[in-house]
Protein backbone atom coordinates (compact mmCIF):
# COMPACT_ATOMS: atom_id res chain seq x y z
CA MET A 1 -3.00 -11.49 9.46
CA ASN A 2 -0.19 -14.02 10.27
CA ILE A 3 1.37 -14.56 13.61
CA ALA A 4 4.44 -12.02 12.76
CA GLU A 5 1.92 -9.39 11.88
CA GLN A 6 -0.16 -9.90 15.20
CA TYR A 7 3.20 -9.84 17.07
CA PHE A 8 4.39 -6.71 15.25
CA GLN A 9 0.97 -4.86 15.75
CA LYS A 10 1.01 -5.54 19.37
CA HIS A 11 4.46 -4.19 19.96
CA LEU A 12 3.69 -1.27 17.94
CA ARG A 13 1.17 -0.55 20.89
CA VAL A 14 4.20 0.12 23.20
CA ASP A 15 5.36 3.55 22.89
CA GLU A 16 9.07 3.01 23.60
CA PHE A 17 9.11 0.26 20.79
CA LYS A 18 7.08 2.25 18.33
CA HIS A 19 9.58 5.40 18.77
CA SER A 20 12.44 2.93 18.35
CA TYR A 21 10.94 1.29 15.38
CA LEU A 22 10.20 4.75 13.64
CA GLN A 23 13.54 6.09 14.58
CA GLU A 24 15.33 2.85 12.76
CA LYS A 25 12.93 3.19 9.67
CA VAL A 26 13.89 6.87 9.00
CA LYS A 27 17.50 6.13 9.22
CA LEU A 28 17.33 3.25 6.85
CA ASP A 29 15.09 5.41 4.57
CA ILE A 30 17.68 8.41 4.75
CA GLU A 31 20.60 5.98 4.19
CA TYR A 32 18.73 4.39 1.11
CA GLN A 33 18.27 7.68 -0.43
CA LEU A 34 21.84 8.66 0.23
CA GLU A 35 23.20 5.49 -1.59
CA GLU A 36 21.06 6.45 -4.58
CA LEU A 37 22.33 9.93 -4.50
CA LYS A 38 25.83 8.58 -4.42
CA ASN A 39 25.35 6.36 -7.23
CA ASP A 40 23.74 8.78 -9.42
CA ILE A 41 26.70 11.29 -8.72
CA ARG A 42 29.00 8.38 -9.92
CA THR A 43 27.08 7.74 -12.80
CA VAL A 44 27.24 11.47 -13.61
CA LYS A 45 23.43 12.12 -13.80
CA PRO A 46 22.50 15.68 -14.63
CA VAL A 47 22.82 18.41 -11.86
CA GLU A 48 19.01 19.10 -12.04
CA GLU A 49 18.14 15.52 -11.40
CA LEU A 50 20.69 15.53 -8.55
CA ILE A 51 19.39 18.80 -7.01
CA LYS A 52 15.87 17.35 -7.07
CA LYS A 53 17.11 14.19 -5.33
CA ILE A 54 18.83 16.66 -2.58
CA GLU A 55 15.58 18.66 -2.09
CA CYS A 56 13.48 15.43 -1.72
CA ILE A 57 15.89 14.17 1.18
CA GLU A 58 15.79 17.61 2.73
CA LYS A 59 11.79 17.51 2.75
CA TYR A 60 11.98 14.02 4.36
CA VAL A 61 14.14 15.12 6.92
CA MET A 62 12.25 18.14 7.69
CA THR A 63 8.98 16.02 7.92
CA VAL A 64 10.56 13.62 10.54
């Protein structure tokens, strides 16, 4: 494990840092999924595929 990983693991033990990190990770994950969905809409993907992606985002949000 390198120094950066050790530093990160040490900070993950602090509840406030862990909460903030996970909150930001979720936000970025959702933003990424929404960008993919927008691109799929722009390229006129099949409706079934778009609905599947929306359902996937919904599931992700419900688990957070």
